[in-house]
Amino acid sequence: MKQKVGTEHFAMETMGTPNHEQGTALLQEAPLRELISARVISRVIAVGCTGGFVLEVHFGERKALLASSRGGARTFASLSTVALLMQRLGQACFEVDASAYVPGRVRASQPDRSAAMRAGKLPRALPGSAKSSK
């Protein structure tokens, strides 16, 4: 579906995600940045779920969850990561609803990868890649 913000448009997907109500709208990061710069965001809530937090964005009469690049809602393991993202996007003020938060892992452990890392068998990141340190 399309929503008009000034003269710019952004797309939201609607899909069911685990731990959230069916038919929840998903919003990618780039359109969220546009909404923030257009000053149409009324609230951002970091909502606790199993293993972390999802971002619920309210604008006008609508709300959407921040989407991950792989589909579904993006889950943050910590509030500090949420705070860094929101500062980077220009919306440093947000609310926290930890009523449904359950501590745990966002992703399953990868014992094979951990063993390879300890043994020094993983390839090093290339300079300038997204995962390399700055």
N, C-alpha and C. Protein backbone atom coordinates (compact mmCIF):
# COMPACT_ATOMS: atom_id res chain seq x y z
N MET A 1 0.83 -1.17 0.00
CA MET A 1 0.00 0.00 0.00
C MET A 1 0.87 1.22 0.00
N LYS A 2 0.38 2.33 -0.54
CA LYS A 2 1.14 3.57 -0.62
C LYS A 2 0.55 4.60 0.33
N GLN A 3 1.41 5.38 0.93
CA GLN A 3 1.00 6.46 1.82
C GLN A 3 1.69 7.71 1.32
N LYS A 4 0.98 8.82 1.23
CA LYS A 4 1.57 10.05 0.73
C LYS A 4 2.08 10.89 1.89
N VAL A 5 3.33 11.35 1.77
CA VAL A 5 3.94 12.25 2.74
C VAL A 5 4.46 13.43 1.95
N GLY A 6 3.77 14.56 2.04
CA GLY A 6 4.16 15.70 1.22
C GLY A 6 4.06 15.28 -0.24
N THR A 7 5.18 15.41 -0.97
CA THR A 7 5.19 14.98 -2.36
C THR A 7 5.86 13.63 -2.54
N GLU A 8 6.34 13.04 -1.43
CA GLU A 8 7.05 11.76 -1.51
C GLU A 8 6.12 10.61 -1.15
N HIS A 9 6.39 9.45 -1.70
CA HIS A 9 5.61 8.26 -1.41
C HIS A 9 6.52 7.22 -0.78
N PHE A 10 5.94 6.36 0.03
CA PHE A 10 6.69 5.23 0.55
C PHE A 10 5.78 4.02 0.57
N ALA A 11 6.39 2.86 0.51
CA ALA A 11 5.63 1.60 0.48
C ALA A 11 5.72 0.90 1.81
N MET A 12 4.62 0.27 2.20
CA MET A 12 4.60 -0.57 3.40
C MET A 12 4.08 -1.93 2.99
N GLU A 13 4.71 -2.96 3.48
CA GLU A 13 4.21 -4.31 3.26
C GLU A 13 3.31 -4.66 4.42
N THR A 14 2.34 -5.50 4.16
CA THR A 14 1.51 -6.03 5.23
C THR A 14 1.70 -7.53 5.25
N MET A 15 2.15 -8.02 6.39
CA MET A 15 2.34 -9.46 6.50
C MET A 15 2.28 -9.86 7.95
N GLY A 16 1.93 -11.11 8.20
CA GLY A 16 1.93 -11.64 9.55
C GLY A 16 3.35 -11.98 9.96
N THR A 17 3.68 -11.72 11.21
CA THR A 17 5.00 -12.04 11.72
C THR A 17 4.86 -12.79 13.02
N PRO A 18 5.80 -13.65 13.36
CA PRO A 18 5.71 -14.34 14.63
C PRO A 18 5.78 -13.35 15.79
N ASN A 19 5.11 -13.64 16.87
CA ASN A 19 5.07 -12.82 18.07
C ASN A 19 4.27 -11.53 17.91
N HIS A 20 3.66 -11.31 16.76
CA HIS A 20 2.91 -10.07 16.53
C HIS A 20 1.60 -10.42 15.85
N GLU A 21 0.66 -9.47 15.93
CA GLU A 21 -0.65 -9.72 15.34
C GLU A 21 -0.55 -9.91 13.83
N GLN A 22 -1.44 -10.74 13.28
CA GLN A 22 -1.46 -10.99 11.85
C GLN A 22 -1.82 -9.69 11.12
N GLY A 23 -1.25 -9.49 9.95
CA GLY A 23 -1.58 -8.34 9.14
C GLY A 23 -0.92 -7.06 9.59
N THR A 24 0.16 -7.13 10.34
CA THR A 24 0.87 -5.94 10.79
C THR A 24 1.64 -5.35 9.62
N ALA A 25 1.53 -4.03 9.43
CA ALA A 25 2.27 -3.36 8.36
C ALA A 25 3.74 -3.30 8.73
N LEU A 26 4.60 -3.50 7.73
CA LEU A 26 6.04 -3.42 7.93
C LEU A 26 6.58 -2.23 7.16
N LEU A 27 7.53 -1.54 7.76
CA LEU A 27 8.09 -0.31 7.20
C LEU A 27 9.60 -0.47 7.12
N GLN A 28 10.17 -0.28 5.94
CA GLN A 28 11.62 -0.36 5.77
C GLN A 28 12.29 0.89 6.36
N GLU A 29 13.60 0.81 6.57
CA GLU A 29 14.34 1.90 7.22
C GLU A 29 14.34 3.19 6.39
N ALA A 30 14.52 3.10 5.08
CA ALA A 30 14.57 4.31 4.24
C ALA A 30 13.25 5.11 4.31
N PRO A 31 12.09 4.46 4.16
CA PRO A 31 10.84 5.22 4.31
C PRO A 31 10.66 5.78 5.72
N LEU A 32 11.15 5.04 6.73
CA LEU A 32 11.07 5.56 8.10
C LEU A 32 11.88 6.84 8.22
N ARG A 33 13.05 6.87 7.62
CA ARG A 33 13.89 8.07 7.62
C ARG A 33 13.14 9.24 6.98
N GLU A 34 12.43 8.97 5.87
CA GLU A 34 11.64 10.01 5.20
C GLU A 34 10.52 10.53 6.10
N LEU A 35 9.84 9.62 6.79
CA LEU A 35 8.76 10.02 7.69
C LEU A 35 9.30 10.87 8.84
N ILE A 36 10.46 10.51 9.36
CA ILE A 36 11.06 11.28 10.45
C ILE A 36 11.43 12.67 9.96
N SER A 37 12.06 12.77 8.78
CA SER A 37 12.44 14.08 8.27
C SER A 37 11.23 14.93 7.90
N ALA A 38 10.12 14.27 7.54
CA ALA A 38 8.88 15.01 7.23
C ALA A 38 8.12 15.38 8.51
N ARG A 39 8.61 14.92 9.66
CA ARG A 39 8.03 15.20 10.98
C ARG A 39 6.58 14.76 11.11
N VAL A 40 6.30 13.56 10.61
CA VAL A 40 4.94 13.03 10.73
C VAL A 40 4.85 11.88 11.73
N ILE A 41 5.97 11.51 12.34
CA ILE A 41 5.97 10.44 13.34
C ILE A 41 5.43 11.00 14.65
N SER A 42 4.40 10.35 15.20
CA SER A 42 3.86 10.81 16.49
C SER A 42 4.47 10.05 17.66
N ARG A 43 4.79 8.77 17.47
CA ARG A 43 5.40 7.96 18.55
C ARG A 43 6.24 6.86 17.94
N VAL A 44 7.28 6.50 18.66
CA VAL A 44 8.06 5.30 18.35
C VAL A 44 8.16 4.54 19.66
N ILE A 45 7.78 3.27 19.62
CA ILE A 45 7.80 2.46 20.83
C ILE A 45 8.65 1.22 20.59
N ALA A 46 9.61 1.00 21.47
CA ALA A 46 10.38 -0.25 21.45
C ALA A 46 9.56 -1.24 22.27
N VAL A 47 8.94 -2.20 21.60
CA VAL A 47 8.04 -3.15 22.25
C VAL A 47 8.79 -4.45 22.51
N GLY A 48 8.80 -4.87 23.77
CA GLY A 48 9.48 -6.10 24.16
C GLY A 48 8.79 -7.33 23.59
N CYS A 49 9.60 -8.30 23.22
CA CYS A 49 9.10 -9.59 22.73
C CYS A 49 10.11 -10.65 23.19
N THR A 50 9.98 -11.86 22.74
CA THR A 50 10.92 -12.90 23.13
C THR A 50 12.29 -12.61 22.54
N GLY A 51 13.26 -12.40 23.39
CA GLY A 51 14.64 -12.20 22.97
C GLY A 51 15.04 -10.80 22.60
N GLY A 52 14.12 -9.83 22.63
CA GLY A 52 14.53 -8.48 22.25
C GLY A 52 13.37 -7.52 22.15
N PHE A 53 13.52 -6.59 21.22
CA PHE A 53 12.54 -5.52 21.03
C PHE A 53 12.30 -5.28 19.55
N VAL A 54 11.06 -4.95 19.20
CA VAL A 54 10.72 -4.51 17.85
C VAL A 54 10.31 -3.05 17.95
N LEU A 55 10.44 -2.31 16.84
CA LEU A 55 10.06 -0.90 16.84
C LEU A 55 8.69 -0.73 16.22
N GLU A 56 7.79 -0.15 16.98
CA GLU A 56 6.44 0.16 16.51
C GLU A 56 6.40 1.66 16.25
N VAL A 57 6.12 2.02 15.00
CA VAL A 57 6.15 3.42 14.56
C VAL A 57 4.71 3.88 14.32
N HIS A 58 4.34 5.00 14.95
CA HIS A 58 2.98 5.56 14.80
C HIS A 58 3.07 6.85 14.00
N PHE A 59 2.22 6.96 12.98
CA PHE A 59 2.15 8.18 12.17
C PHE A 59 0.72 8.32 11.68
N GLY A 60 0.14 9.49 11.93
CA GLY A 60 -1.26 9.68 11.58
C GLY A 60 -2.12 8.66 12.31
N GLU A 61 -3.02 8.03 11.60
CA GLU A 61 -3.90 7.00 12.16
C GLU A 61 -3.30 5.60 12.00
N ARG A 62 -2.08 5.51 11.52
CA ARG A 62 -1.47 4.22 11.19
C ARG A 62 -0.34 3.88 12.14
N LYS A 63 0.01 2.59 12.13
CA LYS A 63 1.21 2.13 12.83
C LYS A 63 1.82 1.00 12.03
N ALA A 64 3.13 0.86 12.15
CA ALA A 64 3.86 -0.18 11.43
C ALA A 64 5.06 -0.59 12.27
N LEU A 65 5.57 -1.78 11.98
CA LEU A 65 6.78 -2.27 12.63
C LEU A 65 7.95 -2.07 11.67
N LEU A 66 9.11 -1.74 12.22
CA LEU A 66 10.30 -1.63 11.38
C LEU A 66 10.62 -3.02 10.83
N ALA A 67 10.83 -3.10 9.52
CA ALA A 67 11.05 -4.38 8.85
C ALA A 67 12.54 -4.73 8.81
N SER A 68 12.81 -6.01 8.79
CA SER A 68 14.18 -6.48 8.59
C SER A 68 14.41 -6.62 7.09
N SER A 69 15.67 -6.75 6.70
CA SER A 69 15.98 -6.89 5.28
C SER A 69 15.54 -8.25 4.74
N ARG A 70 15.30 -9.22 5.62
CA ARG A 70 14.91 -10.56 5.20
C ARG A 70 13.41 -10.80 5.31
N GLY A 71 12.65 -9.77 5.58
CA GLY A 71 11.21 -9.91 5.74
C GLY A 71 10.86 -10.11 7.20
N GLY A 72 9.70 -9.73 7.59
CA GLY A 72 9.30 -9.81 8.99
C GLY A 72 9.78 -8.59 9.76
N ALA A 73 9.41 -8.54 11.01
CA ALA A 73 9.78 -7.42 11.86
C ALA A 73 11.24 -7.55 12.28
N ARG A 74 11.94 -6.42 12.32
CA ARG A 74 13.34 -6.41 12.76
C ARG A 74 13.36 -6.48 14.28
N THR A 75 14.09 -7.44 14.83
CA THR A 75 14.19 -7.62 16.27
C THR A 75 15.57 -7.17 16.73
N PHE A 76 15.59 -6.30 17.73
CA PHE A 76 16.82 -5.79 18.31
C PHE A 76 17.10 -6.52 19.60
N ALA A 77 18.33 -6.95 19.81
CA ALA A 77 18.69 -7.70 21.01
C ALA A 77 18.76 -6.80 22.24
N SER A 78 19.03 -5.50 22.04
CA SER A 78 19.16 -4.60 23.19
C SER A 78 18.59 -3.22 22.88
N LEU A 79 18.25 -2.53 23.96
CA LEU A 79 17.73 -1.16 23.80
C LEU A 79 18.83 -0.20 23.37
N SER A 80 20.08 -0.50 23.68
CA SER A 80 21.16 0.39 23.24
C SER A 80 21.27 0.38 21.72
N THR A 81 21.02 -0.75 21.08
CA THR A 81 21.04 -0.81 19.62
C THR A 81 19.87 -0.02 19.05
N VAL A 82 18.72 -0.10 19.68
CA VAL A 82 17.56 0.69 19.26
C VAL A 82 17.90 2.19 19.37
N ALA A 83 18.50 2.58 20.49
CA ALA A 83 18.83 3.99 20.72
C ALA A 83 19.81 4.50 19.66
N LEU A 84 20.82 3.71 19.33
CA LEU A 84 21.79 4.12 18.31
C LEU A 84 21.13 4.32 16.95
N LEU A 85 20.25 3.39 16.57
CA LEU A 85 19.55 3.51 15.30
C LEU A 85 18.67 4.76 15.29
N MET A 86 17.90 4.96 16.36
CA MET A 86 16.99 6.10 16.40
C MET A 86 17.76 7.43 16.39
N GLN A 87 18.90 7.49 17.06
CA GLN A 87 19.73 8.70 17.00
C GLN A 87 20.22 8.93 15.58
N ARG A 88 20.68 7.88 14.92
CA ARG A 88 21.18 7.99 13.55
C ARG A 88 20.08 8.46 12.59
N LEU A 89 18.84 8.04 12.84
CA LEU A 89 17.72 8.42 11.97
C LEU A 89 17.17 9.80 12.30
N GLY A 90 17.59 10.37 13.43
CA GLY A 90 17.11 11.71 13.79
C GLY A 90 15.90 11.72 14.70
N GLN A 91 15.60 10.62 15.35
CA GLN A 91 14.45 10.50 16.26
C GLN A 91 14.97 9.90 17.56
N ALA A 92 15.68 10.70 18.34
CA ALA A 92 16.35 10.17 19.54
C ALA A 92 15.39 9.88 20.68
N CYS A 93 14.17 10.37 20.61
CA CYS A 93 13.19 10.15 21.68
C CYS A 93 12.25 9.02 21.29
N PHE A 94 12.16 7.98 22.14
CA PHE A 94 11.23 6.89 21.89
C PHE A 94 10.81 6.32 23.24
N GLU A 95 9.70 5.57 23.21
CA GLU A 95 9.16 4.95 24.42
C GLU A 95 9.57 3.48 24.47
N VAL A 96 9.49 2.89 25.66
CA VAL A 96 9.78 1.47 25.82
C VAL A 96 8.60 0.80 26.50
N ASP A 97 8.12 -0.29 25.93
CA ASP A 97 7.08 -1.12 26.54
C ASP A 97 7.70 -2.51 26.73
N ALA A 98 8.17 -2.78 27.94
CA ALA A 98 8.84 -4.05 28.23
C ALA A 98 7.90 -5.06 28.86
N SER A 99 6.59 -4.83 28.80
CA SER A 99 5.64 -5.72 29.47
C SER A 99 5.64 -7.14 28.90
N ALA A 100 5.96 -7.31 27.62
CA ALA A 100 5.98 -8.65 27.02
C ALA A 100 7.41 -9.13 26.76
N TYR A 101 8.41 -8.41 27.27
CA TYR A 101 9.81 -8.79 27.05
C TYR A 101 10.15 -10.07 27.79
N VAL A 102 10.78 -10.99 27.07
CA VAL A 102 11.25 -12.24 27.65
C VAL A 102 12.72 -12.36 27.26
N PRO A 103 13.63 -12.36 28.26
CA PRO A 103 15.05 -12.46 27.92
C PRO A 103 15.34 -13.74 27.14
N GLY A 104 16.27 -13.66 26.24
CA GLY A 104 16.65 -14.82 25.43
C GLY A 104 17.44 -14.37 24.23
N ARG A 105 17.72 -15.29 23.35
CA ARG A 105 18.48 -14.99 22.15
C ARG A 105 17.54 -14.61 21.01
N VAL A 106 17.96 -13.61 20.24
CA VAL A 106 17.20 -13.23 19.05
C VAL A 106 17.35 -14.31 17.99
N ARG A 107 18.57 -14.80 17.82
CA ARG A 107 18.85 -15.85 16.85
C ARG A 107 19.41 -17.07 17.57
N ALA A 108 19.23 -18.22 16.98
CA ALA A 108 19.76 -19.46 17.55
C ALA A 108 21.28 -19.43 17.53
N SER A 109 21.90 -20.09 18.49
CA SER A 109 23.36 -20.15 18.53
C SER A 109 23.87 -20.96 17.35
N GLN A 110 25.11 -20.72 16.97
CA GLN A 110 25.74 -21.42 15.86
C GLN A 110 27.04 -22.04 16.36
N PRO A 111 26.95 -23.21 17.02
CA PRO A 111 28.15 -23.80 17.62
C PRO A 111 29.25 -24.12 16.60
N ASP A 112 28.90 -24.51 15.37
CA ASP A 112 29.92 -24.79 14.36
C ASP A 112 30.70 -23.53 14.01
N ARG A 113 30.00 -22.43 13.88
CA ARG A 113 30.65 -21.15 13.56
C ARG A 113 31.52 -20.69 14.71
N SER A 114 31.05 -20.87 15.94
CA SER A 114 31.83 -20.50 17.12
C SER A 114 33.13 -21.30 17.19
N ALA A 115 33.04 -22.60 16.91
CA ALA A 115 34.23 -23.45 16.94
C ALA A 115 35.21 -23.03 15.84
N ALA A 116 34.72 -22.71 14.65
CA ALA A 116 35.59 -22.27 13.56
C ALA A 116 36.24 -20.94 13.91
N MET A 117 35.51 -20.06 14.57
CA MET A 117 36.05 -18.77 14.97
C MET A 117 37.18 -18.96 15.98
N ARG A 118 36.95 -19.82 16.97
CA ARG A 118 37.99 -20.09 17.98
C ARG A 118 39.24 -20.70 17.35
N ALA A 119 39.05 -21.54 16.33
CA ALA A 119 40.17 -22.20 15.67
C ALA A 119 40.84 -21.30 14.63
N GLY A 120 40.28 -20.10 14.41
CA GLY A 120 40.86 -19.18 13.44
C GLY A 120 40.64 -19.59 12.00
N LYS A 121 39.56 -20.33 11.74
CA LYS A 121 39.30 -20.85 10.39
C LYS A 121 38.29 -20.03 9.60
N LEU A 122 37.85 -18.90 10.13
CA LEU A 122 36.91 -18.07 9.38
C LEU A 122 37.68 -17.04 8.57
N PRO A 123 37.22 -16.73 7.37
CA PRO A 123 37.91 -15.70 6.57
C PRO A 123 37.77 -14.33 7.23
N ARG A 124 38.80 -13.54 7.10
CA ARG A 124 38.76 -12.18 7.65
C ARG A 124 37.97 -11.29 6.70
N ALA A 125 37.36 -10.24 7.27
CA ALA A 125 36.60 -9.28 6.46
C ALA A 125 37.57 -8.47 5.61
N LEU A 126 37.16 -8.16 4.40
CA LEU A 126 37.97 -7.32 3.52
C LEU A 126 37.90 -5.88 3.99
N PRO A 127 38.97 -5.10 3.82
CA PRO A 127 38.93 -3.69 4.19
C PRO A 127 37.81 -2.98 3.42
N GLY A 128 37.05 -2.17 4.14
CA GLY A 128 35.96 -1.43 3.51
C GLY A 128 34.64 -2.18 3.46
N SER A 129 34.62 -3.43 3.92
CA SER A 129 33.36 -4.17 3.92
C SER A 129 32.49 -3.69 5.07
N ALA A 130 31.21 -4.00 5.02
CA ALA A 130 30.25 -3.52 6.02
C ALA A 130 30.57 -4.05 7.40
N LYS A 131 31.15 -5.24 7.52
CA LYS A 131 31.41 -5.83 8.82
C LYS A 131 32.78 -5.47 9.40
N SER A 132 33.62 -4.79 8.62
CA SER A 132 34.95 -4.46 9.14
C SER A 132 34.87 -3.29 10.09
N SER A 133 35.80 -3.20 11.02
CA SER A 133 35.80 -2.11 11.99
C SER A 133 36.33 -0.84 11.35
N LYS A 134 35.87 0.29 11.88
CA LYS A 134 36.28 1.58 11.32
C LYS A 134 37.36 2.20 12.15
